[in-house]
Amino acid sequence: MPYIEARGLRKAFGTTIALDGVNLRIEEGRILGLIGPNGAGKTTALNAILGLVPYQGELKVLGRDPWTERDQLMRDVCFIADVAVLPRWIKVSQALDYVAGVHPRFDRAKAEGFLAKTTIGRTSKVRELSKGMVAQLHLALVMAIDARLLVLDEPTLGLDILYRKQFYDSLLNDYFDRSRTIVVTTHQVEEIQNVLTDVMFINRGRIVFDCSMEELESRYLEVTVHPEQVATARALKPVHERQVLGRSILLFDLKVDALDRQQFAAFGDVRTPSIADLFVAELSNNRSNQAGHA
């Protein structure tokens, strides 16, 4: 059974279409990066998955309808929003006590372990903590809950680079296993590339790219082409081209025209493109196609 499955998922706010017939399927034991520009529909998709907004179409999360069965669903789902909101008057120790009292799957020892990596005092009140510390506390509370599905919407917003690295290390080492699934959105794409098993791009309410990281690494390559080889490389129909410091960088989809990876070494430096590079290429092509049909 897929952990999340949507068919024809649609959500409009007045005349604004936030989700436009989204189809997706996310299996158990995957870490999916949902990547898109501002206003693309990422947060709306997450809110639908969490049962926070009504929608049209079909959506099942852990076999349940998230809108009509949200109470039962939330026993197996955790969510970290882009802005950590905790009562300003509460002490850290009281926050731990509260979550321990309301959630049967909260592991206090694990939360304490996360907090031990920070400088947060147990007697401190939330209003005495910096923005980054509040985010750290929020992450410690949520990641200590034994949930089957973890949904992260810009989870490290406001954190410095050191704690962002610690967070993703903890996510892999202390939280993720093959019985859990994680969905994460972030603009810091470079920091999660090595964490993901799958990536989706969403733009204007539609899924425009869906690929496992294994397929991405075997299917796509990027070549920084020697100037004298540019015309020959272009003849192989790259899916995108950009200029960096006067050099042409061409992105190829090996699935197109059954291209052979070995032949590209003669053109220049070859590497697997980053998610960010693919994202820019896909959205650029998407906009060009839309302009061509206008």
Protein backbone atom coordinates (compact mmCIF):
# COMPACT_ATOMS: atom_id res chain seq x y z
CA MET A 1 0.00 0.00 0.00
CA PRO A 2 1.41 3.44 -0.90
CA TYR A 3 1.74 5.84 2.02
CA ILE A 4 0.37 8.71 -0.08
CA GLU A 5 -1.63 8.44 -3.29
CA ALA A 6 -3.40 11.26 -5.13
CA ARG A 7 -5.38 11.27 -8.36
CA GLY A 8 -6.67 14.43 -9.92
CA LEU A 9 -6.02 16.43 -6.76
CA ARG A 10 -7.33 19.95 -7.20
CA LYS A 11 -7.60 22.96 -4.93
CA ALA A 12 -8.65 26.49 -5.81
CA PHE A 13 -8.76 29.62 -3.69
CA GLY A 14 -11.24 31.79 -5.50
CA THR A 15 -9.89 32.23 -9.03
CA THR A 16 -6.41 31.04 -8.03
CA ILE A 17 -5.76 27.37 -8.80
CA ALA A 18 -3.24 26.09 -6.25
CA LEU A 19 -3.37 22.42 -7.29
CA ASP A 20 -4.34 21.52 -10.83
CA GLY A 21 -5.00 17.80 -11.22
CA VAL A 22 -2.03 16.48 -9.24
CA ASN A 23 -1.26 12.77 -9.48
CA LEU A 24 1.34 11.30 -7.16
CA ARG A 25 2.27 8.08 -5.42
CA ILE A 26 4.72 7.85 -2.52
CA GLU A 27 5.70 4.44 -1.20
CA GLU A 28 6.77 3.31 2.25
CA GLY A 29 10.35 3.97 3.25
CA ARG A 30 11.04 6.89 0.90
CA ILE A 31 12.32 10.42 1.46
CA LEU A 32 10.70 12.70 -1.09
CA GLY A 33 11.80 16.23 -1.84
CA LEU A 34 8.92 18.35 -3.15
CA ILE A 35 10.60 21.28 -4.85
CA GLY A 36 8.98 24.33 -6.41
CA PRO A 37 9.09 28.13 -6.61
CA ASN A 38 7.04 30.31 -4.30
CA GLY A 39 3.35 29.97 -5.06
CA ALA A 40 3.80 26.67 -6.91
CA GLY A 41 1.41 24.72 -4.66
CA LYS A 42 3.85 22.98 -2.28
CA THR A 43 2.27 24.09 0.98
CA THR A 44 -1.25 23.55 -0.35
CA ALA A 45 -0.31 19.98 -1.30
CA LEU A 46 1.10 19.38 2.18
CA ASN A 47 -1.99 20.89 3.81
CA ALA A 48 -4.21 18.57 1.78
CA ILE A 49 -2.09 15.57 2.82
CA LEU A 50 -2.41 16.68 6.46
CA GLY A 51 -6.16 17.15 6.23
CA LEU A 52 -5.95 20.89 6.84
CA VAL A 53 -7.83 21.95 3.70
CA PRO A 54 -10.66 20.38 1.69
CA TYR A 55 -9.92 19.41 -1.90
CA GLN A 56 -11.32 17.87 -5.05
CA GLY A 57 -10.12 14.57 -6.44
CA GLU A 58 -8.90 11.44 -4.68
CA LEU A 59 -6.37 11.43 -1.86
CA LYS A 60 -5.37 8.66 0.53
CA VAL A 61 -2.73 9.01 3.23
CA LEU A 62 -1.82 5.80 5.07
CA GLY A 63 -5.02 4.38 3.60
CA ARG A 64 -7.21 7.14 5.07
CA ASP A 65 -9.03 10.16 3.71
CA PRO A 66 -7.14 12.99 5.44
CA TRP A 67 -10.10 15.40 5.41
CA THR A 68 -12.69 13.08 6.94
CA GLU A 69 -10.38 10.88 9.05
CA ARG A 70 -7.85 13.44 10.27
CA ASP A 71 -8.11 12.55 13.97
CA GLN A 72 -7.11 8.94 13.33
CA LEU A 73 -4.50 9.92 10.74
CA MET A 74 -2.65 12.29 13.07
CA ARG A 75 -1.74 9.38 15.37
CA ASP A 76 0.66 8.25 12.63
CA VAL A 77 1.70 11.58 11.11
CA CYS A 78 3.95 14.40 12.34
CA PHE A 79 4.32 17.84 10.81
CA ILE A 80 6.94 20.55 11.07
CA ALA A 81 5.84 23.86 9.53
CA ASP A 82 8.08 26.55 8.12
CA VAL A 83 7.51 28.70 11.20
CA ALA A 84 7.86 27.11 14.63
CA VAL A 85 5.07 28.40 16.87
CA LEU A 86 5.19 27.58 20.58
CA PRO A 87 3.59 29.42 23.53
CA ARG A 88 5.98 32.17 24.58
CA TRP A 89 5.27 31.64 28.28
CA ILE A 90 6.03 27.91 28.37
CA LYS A 91 9.28 26.51 29.74
CA VAL A 92 11.25 23.94 27.76
CA SER A 93 10.67 21.32 30.48
CA GLN A 94 6.93 22.08 30.42
CA ALA A 95 6.83 21.65 26.63
CA LEU A 96 8.41 18.23 27.06
CA ASP A 97 5.89 17.37 29.79
CA TYR A 98 2.98 18.50 27.64
CA VAL A 99 3.88 16.47 24.55
CA ALA A 100 4.63 13.44 26.72
CA GLY A 101 1.16 13.78 28.22
CA VAL A 102 -0.81 14.15 24.98
CA HIS A 103 1.01 11.90 22.51
CA PRO A 104 1.41 8.20 23.33
CA ARG A 105 4.24 7.79 20.82
CA PHE A 106 6.43 10.56 22.18
CA ASP A 107 9.88 9.38 23.30
CA ARG A 108 11.07 11.88 25.90
CA ALA A 109 14.56 10.40 26.08
CA LYS A 110 14.96 10.91 22.34
CA ALA A 111 13.80 14.53 22.62
CA GLU A 112 16.29 15.08 25.43
CA GLY A 113 18.98 13.60 23.20
CA PHE A 114 18.21 16.09 20.43
CA LEU A 115 18.21 18.98 22.90
CA ALA A 116 21.53 17.85 24.35
CA LYS A 117 23.13 18.86 21.04
CA THR A 118 21.93 22.45 21.58
CA THR A 119 22.50 25.15 24.19
CA ILE A 120 18.83 25.27 25.19
CA GLY A 121 18.29 25.18 28.95
CA ARG A 122 15.40 23.13 30.35
CA THR A 123 14.27 26.00 32.59
CA SER A 124 14.29 28.58 29.80
CA LYS A 125 11.01 30.00 28.57
CA VAL A 126 10.26 30.12 24.85
CA ARG A 127 10.25 33.93 24.88
CA GLU A 128 13.87 33.83 26.10
CA LEU A 129 15.01 31.72 23.16
CA SER A 130 16.30 32.96 19.82
CA LYS A 131 14.38 32.17 16.64
CA GLY A 132 16.84 29.39 15.86
CA MET A 133 16.50 27.91 19.34
CA VAL A 134 12.70 27.86 19.07
CA ALA A 135 13.05 25.98 15.79
CA GLN A 136 15.49 23.55 17.45
CA LEU A 137 13.04 22.91 20.29
CA HIS A 138 10.19 22.38 17.86
CA LEU A 139 12.24 19.90 15.84
CA ALA A 140 13.27 17.99 18.97
CA LEU A 141 9.63 17.65 20.08
CA VAL A 142 8.32 16.47 16.73
CA MET A 143 11.19 14.15 15.76
CA ALA A 144 10.83 12.35 19.09
CA ILE A 145 7.38 11.14 18.07
CA ASP A 146 7.32 7.68 16.50
CA ALA A 147 5.28 8.53 13.39
CA ARG A 148 4.98 6.55 10.15
CA LEU A 149 4.85 9.73 8.05
CA LEU A 150 6.84 12.90 8.72
CA VAL A 151 5.93 16.02 6.74
CA LEU A 152 8.48 18.85 6.76
CA ASP A 153 7.73 22.27 5.28
CA GLU A 154 10.98 24.29 5.23
CA PRO A 155 12.02 22.56 8.49
CA THR A 156 15.34 24.35 8.96
CA LEU A 157 14.19 27.88 8.16
CA GLY A 158 15.98 30.31 10.47
CA LEU A 159 18.66 27.83 11.53
CA ASP A 160 22.37 28.35 10.95
CA ILE A 161 24.27 26.04 8.64
CA LEU A 162 25.75 23.97 11.50
CA TYR A 163 22.39 23.03 12.96
CA ARG A 164 20.88 22.46 9.51
CA LYS A 165 23.60 19.87 8.93
CA GLN A 166 22.96 18.32 12.35
CA PHE A 167 19.24 18.21 11.63
CA TYR A 168 19.58 16.26 8.40
CA ASP A 169 22.16 13.94 9.96
CA SER A 170 19.72 13.26 12.81
CA LEU A 171 16.91 12.73 10.33
CA LEU A 172 18.86 9.92 8.67
CA ASN A 173 20.62 8.41 11.67
CA ASP A 174 18.03 8.77 14.44
CA TYR A 175 14.66 8.94 12.72
CA PHE A 176 14.45 7.45 9.26
CA ASP A 177 14.06 3.75 8.64
CA ARG A 178 12.44 1.66 5.95
CA SER A 179 9.07 1.66 7.73
CA ARG A 180 8.81 5.46 7.70
CA THR A 181 8.27 7.95 4.91
CA ILE A 182 9.35 11.59 4.88
CA VAL A 183 8.08 14.39 2.64
CA VAL A 184 10.14 17.58 2.75
CA THR A 185 9.92 20.94 1.00
CA THR A 186 12.81 23.38 1.10
CA HIS A 187 14.49 26.11 -0.92
CA GLN A 188 17.87 24.88 0.36
CA VAL A 189 17.93 22.15 -2.26
CA GLU A 190 21.68 21.56 -2.17
CA GLU A 191 21.52 20.56 1.50
CA ILE A 192 19.03 17.73 1.02
CA GLN A 193 20.23 16.20 -2.25
CA ASN A 194 22.18 13.45 -0.49
CA VAL A 195 19.26 12.74 1.86
CA LEU A 196 16.53 12.14 -0.72
CA THR A 197 15.43 8.92 -2.38
CA ASP A 198 13.00 10.71 -4.71
CA VAL A 199 12.38 14.20 -6.03
CA MET A 200 9.31 15.93 -7.49
CA PHE A 201 9.10 19.39 -9.03
CA ILE A 202 5.83 21.27 -8.77
CA ASN A 203 5.04 24.38 -10.75
CA ARG A 204 1.76 26.27 -11.09
CA GLY A 205 -0.09 23.53 -9.27
CA ARG A 206 1.17 20.68 -11.45
CA ILE A 207 3.80 18.00 -11.00
CA VAL A 208 6.25 18.65 -13.84
CA PHE A 209 9.02 16.21 -12.82
CA ASP A 210 8.98 12.98 -10.81
CA CYS A 211 12.09 10.82 -10.50
CA SER A 212 13.98 8.61 -8.07
CA MET A 213 17.51 9.70 -7.22
CA GLU A 214 18.80 6.44 -8.67
CA GLU A 215 17.17 7.23 -12.00
CA LEU A 216 18.35 10.83 -11.88
CA GLU A 217 21.97 9.75 -11.46
CA SER A 218 21.82 7.21 -14.30
CA ARG A 219 19.63 9.17 -16.71
CA TYR A 220 20.91 12.76 -16.63
CA LEU A 221 24.34 14.25 -17.10
CA GLU A 222 25.79 17.72 -17.42
CA VAL A 223 28.81 18.60 -19.56
CA THR A 224 31.00 21.68 -19.34
CA VAL A 225 31.86 21.66 -23.01
CA HIS A 226 35.21 22.62 -24.58
CA PRO A 227 34.62 25.63 -26.85
CA GLU A 228 35.62 23.74 -29.99
CA GLN A 229 33.13 20.95 -29.18
CA VAL A 230 30.04 23.08 -28.53
CA ALA A 231 28.50 22.69 -32.00
CA THR A 232 28.99 18.89 -31.94
CA ALA A 233 27.53 18.62 -28.43
CA ARG A 234 24.53 20.77 -29.36
CA ALA A 235 23.78 18.42 -32.23
CA LEU A 236 22.92 15.75 -29.62
CA LYS A 237 19.95 17.91 -28.53
CA PRO A 238 20.59 18.86 -24.90
CA VAL A 239 17.47 19.54 -22.85
CA HIS A 240 19.00 22.75 -21.47
CA GLU A 241 22.01 24.99 -21.93
CA ARG A 242 23.46 27.70 -19.71
CA GLN A 243 26.56 29.87 -19.70
CA VAL A 244 28.93 30.10 -16.72
CA LEU A 245 32.10 32.19 -16.92
CA GLY A 246 32.03 32.02 -20.68
CA ARG A 247 31.71 28.23 -20.81
CA SER A 248 28.71 26.34 -22.20
CA ILE A 249 27.15 23.83 -19.82
CA LEU A 250 24.79 21.41 -21.54
CA LEU A 251 22.31 19.15 -19.77
CA PHE A 252 21.39 15.85 -21.42
CA ASP A 253 18.65 13.32 -20.85
CA LEU A 254 20.18 9.97 -21.84
CA LYS A 255 16.74 8.46 -22.22
CA VAL A 256 16.13 10.76 -25.17
CA ASP A 257 17.47 9.21 -28.39
CA ALA A 258 19.10 6.44 -26.30
CA LEU A 259 22.32 8.42 -25.85
CA ASP A 260 25.46 6.66 -24.60
CA ARG A 261 27.07 8.19 -21.52
CA GLN A 262 30.58 7.25 -22.68
CA GLN A 263 30.50 9.49 -25.75
CA PHE A 264 30.28 12.69 -23.71
CA ALA A 265 33.73 12.46 -22.13
CA ALA A 266 35.28 13.82 -25.34
CA PHE A 267 33.22 17.01 -25.08
CA GLY A 268 34.49 18.18 -21.68
CA ASP A 269 33.98 17.70 -17.96
CA VAL A 270 31.04 15.39 -17.20
CA ARG A 271 29.10 15.23 -13.97
CA THR A 272 25.70 14.31 -12.60
CA PRO A 273 23.58 17.47 -12.44
CA SER A 274 22.40 18.73 -9.11
CA ILE A 275 18.71 18.87 -8.26
CA ALA A 276 18.97 22.66 -8.48
CA ASP A 277 20.37 22.45 -12.03
CA LEU A 278 17.58 20.09 -13.10
CA PHE A 279 14.99 22.28 -11.44
CA VAL A 280 16.15 25.39 -13.33
CA ALA A 281 16.26 23.44 -16.60
CA GLU A 282 12.79 21.94 -16.13
CA LEU A 283 11.15 25.23 -15.21
CA SER A 284 12.90 27.07 -18.03
CA ASN A 285 11.68 24.49 -20.52
CA ASN A 286 8.23 24.57 -18.97
CA ARG A 287 7.99 28.34 -19.39
CA SER A 288 9.28 28.14 -22.96
CA ASN A 289 6.61 25.56 -23.81
CA GLN A 290 3.90 27.71 -22.25
CA ALA A 291 5.11 30.75 -24.20
CA GLY A 292 5.14 28.72 -27.39
CA HIS A 293 1.50 27.75 -26.88
CA ALA A 294 0.40 31.26 -25.92
